[in-house]
Amino acid sequence: MQRFIDEEWKKELKEKARRNTLFTLLAFILALGIPIGYVVYTQFYSMNHLPKGVQLMSLTSPNQTYTISIYRTPKRGNAKGFSIRGELTTASSGERRNIYWGDKADHPKVEWKDENHVSINDKVLDVRSDTYDWRRE
């Protein structure tokens, strides 16, 4: 009887050690994975952290509701050329958000199609909901 109890107790200790090891490994992966995932997202996918750049032009929509400002930013690192960032400003609230991030464009072509649609380098965007980011093609 004592031998049976000792074996059960040993089994229970092994299972507890296995659970503790698994929990520690999972905590370690999460502790590293969450910050790394955040950095990767903000640097490579989010349009909220784009470089400011130099303003090239600013165009107001036909009904004066929106203004699109176009900025040119030099590429980072060894890459040559420029990128274009389009920032939309809503007149009523003053809210600003990036709606266009284009690669390999020195001189952008910008034209309002109507009150809610703008064409930037032949990409037509509905300013109420659309965005264009060349990194997602």
Foldseek 3Di string as FASTA:
>chain_A
DVVVVVVVVVVVVVVVVVVVVVVVVVVVCCVPVVVVVVVCCVVQPDQPPDDDAAWDDKDAAPVRQKIKIKHWDADDDPDGDIWIWIWMAGPVPRDIDTAEIGPRDDDWDWDHPHRQWIAINNDIDRNVDHHDDPSVD
